[in-house]
Each structure stands twice: as structure tokens, then as C-alpha cells.
């Protein structure tokens, strides 16, 4: 069971929704994304990671952290946020929305999707992307 502080849950619901909306809007604006757009994406995923950790939702934290790693490479100029990367990050938003809905409904952690984690890790050089 996750933390039962009602104020924390309300803040988590509001802020995670805003961050996911921000990420989705930027990604849907169309790649390539650069500069401050990438910084904004990075900060939003970083915030999602921190809020998930504070609430005790390691599944969401893991997904947000993997996306943050990808965007860290983009911030450093080692990866372009092109159409393929944007598509994976949009799939990440969808997965985080599903996890968030489950966590909010049950106050229980929702595990990360292994296939999505593999895709994110492949983008950040962690493991080969499955065929």
C-alpha cells in the first residue's frame, strides 16, 4: 500500500496530470525538438520520477527515469529527438497515464511495462531494442 496522505494524493493527481499533458503537447507539436523544448521534457519526466518516488510508486518512477535518461542524452547533444524518439516518448506518456490511473484508483503500485523499458533503454544505449 502506498502513502495514504490525502493531500499528497491530490497533489500527485494534479501535478502528474499537468506534467503528462505538457510532455504530450510538446511531442505532438512535432519533432525535431531542441533546446528549451528538450529541457522542458526532461524536467517534466524528472518531476514525474520524483513524485512517483515520494508516493512509493516504483513502477512509475522506473518508467519516468528511463525517459529522463533518453532526454539527458538529447540535452547533451548525443541523441536527436526525432520522430522515432518522439513516438517512443509518446508511448511512454500513454504507459505512465495507465500506471497513474491504476495507482490513483487502487493506491497500489503499477509495474513498468518491460517492452517499453527495453525500448527506452535501447535509445539510451542500455540494451538492444527487440525486433
N, C-alpha and C. Protein backbone atom coordinates (compact mmCIF):
# COMPACT_ATOMS: atom_id res chain seq x y z
N UNK A 1 0.85 -1.18 0.00
CA UNK A 1 0.00 0.00 0.00
C UNK A 1 0.89 1.24 0.00
N UNK A 2 0.52 2.20 -0.79
CA UNK A 2 1.27 3.43 -0.87
C UNK A 2 0.82 4.39 0.23
N UNK A 3 1.53 5.48 0.38
CA UNK A 3 1.24 6.51 1.37
C UNK A 3 -0.24 6.89 1.29
N UNK A 4 -0.87 7.09 2.44
CA UNK A 4 -2.31 7.38 2.48
C UNK A 4 -2.64 8.84 2.78
N UNK A 5 -1.69 9.73 2.68
CA UNK A 5 -1.91 11.15 2.92
C UNK A 5 -2.77 11.73 1.79
N UNK A 6 -4.00 12.14 2.11
CA UNK A 6 -4.95 12.62 1.10
C UNK A 6 -4.43 13.84 0.34
N UNK A 7 -3.77 14.77 1.05
CA UNK A 7 -3.23 15.96 0.39
C UNK A 7 -2.15 15.57 -0.61
N UNK A 8 -1.32 14.61 -0.24
CA UNK A 8 -0.27 14.14 -1.13
C UNK A 8 -0.88 13.51 -2.39
N UNK A 9 -1.94 12.74 -2.21
CA UNK A 9 -2.61 12.11 -3.36
C UNK A 9 -3.21 13.16 -4.29
N UNK A 10 -3.83 14.18 -3.71
CA UNK A 10 -4.44 15.24 -4.53
C UNK A 10 -3.35 15.98 -5.31
N UNK A 11 -2.24 16.28 -4.65
CA UNK A 11 -1.13 16.95 -5.33
C UNK A 11 -0.55 16.07 -6.42
N UNK A 12 -0.38 14.79 -6.12
CA UNK A 12 0.13 13.84 -7.10
C UNK A 12 -0.78 13.78 -8.33
N UNK A 13 -2.09 13.68 -8.11
CA UNK A 13 -3.04 13.60 -9.22
C UNK A 13 -2.97 14.85 -10.09
N UNK A 14 -2.97 16.02 -9.47
CA UNK A 14 -2.97 17.26 -10.24
C UNK A 14 -1.64 17.46 -10.98
N UNK A 15 -0.54 17.32 -10.26
CA UNK A 15 0.75 17.63 -10.87
C UNK A 15 1.18 16.61 -11.91
N UNK A 16 0.92 15.34 -11.67
CA UNK A 16 1.30 14.35 -12.68
C UNK A 16 0.48 14.55 -13.95
N UNK A 17 -0.78 14.88 -13.79
CA UNK A 17 -1.61 15.16 -14.96
C UNK A 17 -1.08 16.33 -15.77
N UNK A 18 -0.67 17.39 -15.08
CA UNK A 18 -0.12 18.56 -15.77
C UNK A 18 1.17 18.22 -16.50
N UNK A 19 2.05 17.48 -15.83
CA UNK A 19 3.33 17.12 -16.47
C UNK A 19 3.10 16.25 -17.71
N UNK A 20 2.21 15.29 -17.60
CA UNK A 20 1.93 14.41 -18.74
C UNK A 20 1.32 15.20 -19.90
N UNK A 21 0.44 16.15 -19.58
CA UNK A 21 -0.15 17.00 -20.62
C UNK A 21 0.91 17.85 -21.31
N UNK A 22 1.84 18.40 -20.52
CA UNK A 22 2.93 19.21 -21.07
C UNK A 22 3.80 18.39 -22.02
N UNK A 23 4.18 17.20 -21.57
CA UNK A 23 5.02 16.32 -22.38
C UNK A 23 4.31 15.98 -23.69
N UNK A 24 3.05 15.58 -23.58
CA UNK A 24 2.30 15.17 -24.76
C UNK A 24 2.16 16.33 -25.76
N UNK A 25 1.87 17.52 -25.25
CA UNK A 25 1.71 18.68 -26.14
C UNK A 25 3.01 18.99 -26.88
N UNK A 26 4.12 18.95 -26.19
CA UNK A 26 5.41 19.21 -26.84
C UNK A 26 5.73 18.16 -27.89
N UNK A 27 5.52 16.91 -27.56
CA UNK A 27 5.83 15.83 -28.50
C UNK A 27 4.90 15.87 -29.71
N UNK A 28 3.65 16.24 -29.50
CA UNK A 28 2.69 16.31 -30.61
C UNK A 28 2.91 17.53 -31.49
N UNK A 29 3.68 18.51 -30.99
CA UNK A 29 3.98 19.71 -31.79
C UNK A 29 4.87 19.35 -32.97
N UNK A 30 5.53 18.22 -32.87
CA UNK A 30 6.32 17.73 -33.98
C UNK A 30 7.81 17.87 -33.78
N UNK A 31 8.49 16.76 -34.02
CA UNK A 31 9.95 16.79 -33.95
C UNK A 31 10.53 17.47 -35.19
N UNK A 32 11.78 17.81 -35.20
CA UNK A 32 12.71 17.55 -34.10
C UNK A 32 12.54 18.59 -32.98
N UNK A 33 12.76 18.13 -31.77
CA UNK A 33 12.70 19.02 -30.61
C UNK A 33 14.13 19.34 -30.18
N UNK A 34 14.32 20.58 -29.79
CA UNK A 34 15.67 21.03 -29.44
C UNK A 34 15.62 21.98 -28.25
N UNK A 35 16.78 22.25 -27.71
CA UNK A 35 16.97 23.31 -26.72
C UNK A 35 15.99 23.28 -25.58
N UNK A 36 15.27 24.38 -25.42
CA UNK A 36 14.37 24.52 -24.27
C UNK A 36 13.23 23.50 -24.31
N UNK A 37 12.82 23.06 -25.50
CA UNK A 37 11.79 22.01 -25.58
C UNK A 37 12.30 20.73 -24.92
N UNK A 38 13.52 20.34 -25.22
CA UNK A 38 14.10 19.13 -24.63
C UNK A 38 14.27 19.33 -23.13
N UNK A 39 14.71 20.52 -22.71
CA UNK A 39 14.86 20.80 -21.28
C UNK A 39 13.52 20.68 -20.55
N UNK A 40 12.47 21.19 -21.17
CA UNK A 40 11.13 21.12 -20.57
C UNK A 40 10.69 19.66 -20.44
N UNK A 41 10.91 18.86 -21.48
CA UNK A 41 10.57 17.44 -21.41
C UNK A 41 11.35 16.75 -20.29
N UNK A 42 12.64 17.02 -20.24
CA UNK A 42 13.50 16.42 -19.22
C UNK A 42 12.98 16.76 -17.82
N UNK A 43 12.70 18.04 -17.58
CA UNK A 43 12.23 18.47 -16.26
C UNK A 43 10.88 17.83 -15.91
N UNK A 44 10.00 17.69 -16.89
CA UNK A 44 8.69 17.09 -16.62
C UNK A 44 8.85 15.62 -16.24
N UNK A 45 9.67 14.87 -16.97
CA UNK A 45 9.91 13.48 -16.61
C UNK A 45 10.63 13.38 -15.26
N UNK A 46 11.55 14.30 -15.00
CA UNK A 46 12.26 14.32 -13.72
C UNK A 46 11.27 14.55 -12.57
N UNK A 47 10.34 15.46 -12.76
CA UNK A 47 9.32 15.71 -11.74
C UNK A 47 8.42 14.50 -11.53
N UNK A 48 8.03 13.86 -12.63
CA UNK A 48 7.22 12.63 -12.52
C UNK A 48 7.97 11.56 -11.73
N UNK A 49 9.26 11.44 -12.01
CA UNK A 49 10.09 10.46 -11.30
C UNK A 49 10.09 10.77 -9.81
N UNK A 50 10.33 12.01 -9.46
CA UNK A 50 10.40 12.40 -8.05
C UNK A 50 9.08 12.23 -7.33
N UNK A 51 7.98 12.63 -7.97
CA UNK A 51 6.67 12.50 -7.32
C UNK A 51 6.30 11.03 -7.14
N UNK A 52 6.62 10.22 -8.13
CA UNK A 52 6.33 8.78 -8.02
C UNK A 52 7.13 8.16 -6.89
N UNK A 53 8.38 8.57 -6.77
CA UNK A 53 9.24 8.06 -5.71
C UNK A 53 8.71 8.49 -4.35
N UNK A 54 8.32 9.75 -4.23
CA UNK A 54 7.81 10.27 -2.96
C UNK A 54 6.54 9.54 -2.52
N UNK A 55 5.74 9.13 -3.48
CA UNK A 55 4.49 8.45 -3.18
C UNK A 55 4.70 6.96 -2.96
N UNK A 56 5.83 6.43 -3.37
CA UNK A 56 6.09 5.00 -3.22
C UNK A 56 5.57 4.19 -4.40
N UNK A 57 5.71 4.74 -5.61
CA UNK A 57 5.27 4.05 -6.83
C UNK A 57 6.49 3.78 -7.71
N UNK A 58 7.27 2.73 -7.38
CA UNK A 58 8.50 2.48 -8.13
C UNK A 58 8.27 2.12 -9.60
N UNK A 59 7.13 1.58 -9.96
CA UNK A 59 6.85 1.26 -11.35
C UNK A 59 6.84 2.52 -12.21
N UNK A 60 6.12 3.54 -11.76
CA UNK A 60 6.09 4.81 -12.48
C UNK A 60 7.46 5.48 -12.44
N UNK A 61 8.12 5.41 -11.29
CA UNK A 61 9.45 6.02 -11.16
C UNK A 61 10.41 5.42 -12.19
N UNK A 62 10.36 4.11 -12.36
CA UNK A 62 11.27 3.43 -13.29
C UNK A 62 11.05 3.90 -14.72
N UNK A 63 9.80 4.02 -15.12
CA UNK A 63 9.48 4.46 -16.49
C UNK A 63 9.91 5.91 -16.70
N UNK A 64 9.58 6.78 -15.75
CA UNK A 64 9.95 8.19 -15.87
C UNK A 64 11.47 8.34 -15.89
N UNK A 65 12.16 7.56 -15.09
CA UNK A 65 13.63 7.63 -15.04
C UNK A 65 14.23 7.20 -16.38
N UNK A 66 13.69 6.15 -16.98
CA UNK A 66 14.20 5.69 -18.28
C UNK A 66 14.01 6.77 -19.35
N UNK A 67 12.86 7.45 -19.33
CA UNK A 67 12.62 8.54 -20.28
C UNK A 67 13.56 9.71 -20.00
N UNK A 68 13.79 9.98 -18.73
CA UNK A 68 14.71 11.05 -18.34
C UNK A 68 16.12 10.75 -18.86
N UNK A 69 16.53 9.49 -18.79
CA UNK A 69 17.85 9.10 -19.31
C UNK A 69 17.97 9.40 -20.80
N UNK A 70 16.92 9.09 -21.56
CA UNK A 70 16.91 9.37 -23.00
C UNK A 70 17.06 10.87 -23.23
N UNK A 71 16.29 11.65 -22.49
CA UNK A 71 16.33 13.10 -22.68
C UNK A 71 17.63 13.71 -22.16
N UNK A 72 18.27 13.07 -21.22
CA UNK A 72 19.58 13.52 -20.78
C UNK A 72 20.59 13.44 -21.92
N UNK A 73 20.50 12.38 -22.71
CA UNK A 73 21.36 12.27 -23.89
C UNK A 73 21.04 13.36 -24.90
N UNK A 74 19.76 13.64 -25.07
CA UNK A 74 19.35 14.69 -26.01
C UNK A 74 19.84 16.06 -25.52
N UNK A 75 19.76 16.30 -24.23
CA UNK A 75 20.26 17.56 -23.68
C UNK A 75 21.75 17.72 -23.92
N UNK A 76 22.46 16.60 -23.88
CA UNK A 76 23.90 16.63 -24.09
C UNK A 76 24.32 16.58 -25.55
N UNK A 77 23.35 16.60 -26.46
CA UNK A 77 23.65 16.60 -27.88
C UNK A 77 24.05 15.24 -28.43
N UNK A 78 23.80 14.17 -27.67
CA UNK A 78 24.19 12.84 -28.12
C UNK A 78 23.04 12.05 -28.74
N UNK A 79 21.84 12.63 -28.74
CA UNK A 79 20.67 11.96 -29.31
C UNK A 79 19.71 13.04 -29.80
N UNK A 80 19.19 12.85 -31.01
CA UNK A 80 18.20 13.79 -31.55
C UNK A 80 16.80 13.31 -31.17
N UNK A 81 15.95 14.24 -30.77
CA UNK A 81 14.56 13.90 -30.52
C UNK A 81 13.84 14.02 -31.85
N UNK A 82 14.01 12.95 -32.65
CA UNK A 82 13.39 12.88 -33.98
C UNK A 82 12.04 12.16 -33.87
N UNK A 83 11.46 11.83 -35.00
CA UNK A 83 10.13 11.21 -35.00
C UNK A 83 10.11 9.88 -34.24
N UNK A 84 11.15 9.06 -34.41
CA UNK A 84 11.18 7.76 -33.74
C UNK A 84 11.30 7.91 -32.23
N UNK A 85 12.15 8.82 -31.79
CA UNK A 85 12.31 9.05 -30.35
C UNK A 85 11.02 9.64 -29.79
N UNK A 86 10.44 10.59 -30.50
CA UNK A 86 9.18 11.20 -30.06
C UNK A 86 8.08 10.14 -29.94
N UNK A 87 8.02 9.21 -30.88
CA UNK A 87 7.00 8.15 -30.83
C UNK A 87 7.19 7.29 -29.58
N UNK A 88 8.42 6.96 -29.26
CA UNK A 88 8.68 6.16 -28.06
C UNK A 88 8.31 6.95 -26.81
N UNK A 89 8.62 8.24 -26.80
CA UNK A 89 8.27 9.05 -25.63
C UNK A 89 6.75 9.23 -25.51
N UNK A 90 6.04 9.29 -26.64
CA UNK A 90 4.57 9.34 -26.58
C UNK A 90 4.01 8.02 -26.04
N UNK A 91 4.61 6.90 -26.42
CA UNK A 91 4.20 5.61 -25.87
C UNK A 91 4.48 5.58 -24.36
N UNK A 92 5.54 6.26 -23.95
CA UNK A 92 5.87 6.35 -22.54
C UNK A 92 4.80 7.15 -21.80
N UNK A 93 4.34 8.23 -22.40
CA UNK A 93 3.26 9.03 -21.80
C UNK A 93 2.02 8.16 -21.63
N UNK A 94 1.66 7.40 -22.66
CA UNK A 94 0.50 6.52 -22.58
C UNK A 94 0.65 5.52 -21.44
N UNK A 95 1.83 4.92 -21.33
CA UNK A 95 2.08 3.95 -20.27
C UNK A 95 2.00 4.61 -18.90
N UNK A 96 2.59 5.79 -18.76
CA UNK A 96 2.53 6.49 -17.48
C UNK A 96 1.09 6.89 -17.12
N UNK A 97 0.30 7.25 -18.13
CA UNK A 97 -1.11 7.57 -17.85
C UNK A 97 -1.85 6.32 -17.33
N UNK A 98 -1.56 5.16 -17.92
CA UNK A 98 -2.20 3.92 -17.44
C UNK A 98 -1.73 3.60 -16.02
N UNK A 99 -0.43 3.72 -15.79
CA UNK A 99 0.09 3.46 -14.45
C UNK A 99 -0.52 4.43 -13.44
N UNK A 100 -0.56 5.70 -13.81
CA UNK A 100 -1.10 6.73 -12.93
C UNK A 100 -2.55 6.44 -12.58
N UNK A 101 -3.34 6.05 -13.57
CA UNK A 101 -4.75 5.74 -13.33
C UNK A 101 -4.88 4.58 -12.34
N UNK A 102 -4.06 3.56 -12.52
CA UNK A 102 -4.09 2.43 -11.62
C UNK A 102 -3.66 2.79 -10.21
N UNK A 103 -2.61 3.57 -10.11
CA UNK A 103 -2.11 4.00 -8.80
C UNK A 103 -3.16 4.86 -8.09
N UNK A 104 -3.77 5.79 -8.83
CA UNK A 104 -4.78 6.65 -8.21
C UNK A 104 -6.03 5.86 -7.81
N UNK A 105 -6.41 4.88 -8.60
CA UNK A 105 -7.62 4.10 -8.31
C UNK A 105 -7.43 3.14 -7.14
N UNK A 106 -6.25 2.54 -7.04
CA UNK A 106 -6.05 1.48 -6.05
C UNK A 106 -5.08 1.83 -4.93
N UNK A 107 -4.34 2.91 -5.09
CA UNK A 107 -3.26 3.28 -4.16
C UNK A 107 -2.24 2.16 -4.05
N UNK A 108 -2.06 1.45 -5.16
CA UNK A 108 -1.06 0.40 -5.26
C UNK A 108 -0.19 0.66 -6.48
N UNK A 109 1.06 0.25 -6.38
CA UNK A 109 1.99 0.46 -7.49
C UNK A 109 1.56 -0.33 -8.72
N UNK A 110 1.83 0.25 -9.87
CA UNK A 110 1.60 -0.42 -11.14
C UNK A 110 2.98 -0.66 -11.77
N UNK A 111 3.31 -1.90 -12.07
CA UNK A 111 4.65 -2.19 -12.59
C UNK A 111 4.89 -1.58 -13.97
N UNK A 112 6.17 -1.35 -14.25
CA UNK A 112 6.58 -0.84 -15.55
C UNK A 112 6.39 -1.92 -16.61
N UNK A 113 6.10 -1.49 -17.84
CA UNK A 113 5.95 -2.43 -18.95
C UNK A 113 7.34 -2.79 -19.46
N UNK A 114 7.74 -4.06 -19.39
CA UNK A 114 9.09 -4.45 -19.80
C UNK A 114 9.45 -4.09 -21.24
N UNK A 115 8.51 -4.23 -22.17
CA UNK A 115 8.82 -3.92 -23.58
C UNK A 115 9.12 -2.42 -23.75
N UNK A 116 8.37 -1.58 -23.07
CA UNK A 116 8.61 -0.14 -23.16
C UNK A 116 9.95 0.21 -22.52
N UNK A 117 10.25 -0.38 -21.38
CA UNK A 117 11.55 -0.13 -20.75
C UNK A 117 12.69 -0.54 -21.66
N UNK A 118 12.51 -1.65 -22.35
CA UNK A 118 13.55 -2.11 -23.29
C UNK A 118 13.75 -1.09 -24.41
N UNK A 119 12.65 -0.52 -24.92
CA UNK A 119 12.75 0.49 -25.98
C UNK A 119 13.49 1.72 -25.48
N UNK A 120 13.13 2.18 -24.29
CA UNK A 120 13.78 3.37 -23.73
C UNK A 120 15.25 3.10 -23.45
N UNK A 121 15.56 1.94 -22.92
CA UNK A 121 16.95 1.59 -22.63
C UNK A 121 17.75 1.48 -23.93
N UNK A 122 17.12 0.98 -24.98
CA UNK A 122 17.82 0.89 -26.27
C UNK A 122 18.16 2.29 -26.78
N UNK A 123 17.24 3.25 -26.61
CA UNK A 123 17.52 4.61 -27.05
C UNK A 123 18.66 5.23 -26.26
N UNK A 124 18.75 4.86 -24.99
CA UNK A 124 19.80 5.47 -24.15
C UNK A 124 21.06 4.62 -24.12
N UNK A 125 21.10 3.58 -24.97
CA UNK A 125 22.31 2.76 -25.08
C UNK A 125 22.40 1.66 -24.06
N UNK A 126 21.31 1.38 -23.36
CA UNK A 126 21.34 0.36 -22.31
C UNK A 126 21.34 -1.08 -22.84
N UNK A 127 20.37 -1.38 -23.68
CA UNK A 127 20.25 -2.74 -24.23
C UNK A 127 19.74 -2.64 -25.64
N UNK A 128 19.97 -3.67 -26.47
CA UNK A 128 19.44 -3.62 -27.83
C UNK A 128 17.92 -3.63 -27.83
N UNK A 129 17.35 -2.89 -28.76
CA UNK A 129 15.90 -2.87 -28.90
C UNK A 129 15.43 -4.18 -29.50
N UNK A 130 14.38 -4.82 -28.93
CA UNK A 130 13.89 -6.07 -29.52
C UNK A 130 13.34 -5.84 -30.92
N UNK A 131 13.42 -6.88 -31.74
CA UNK A 131 12.95 -6.80 -33.13
C UNK A 131 11.45 -6.73 -33.20
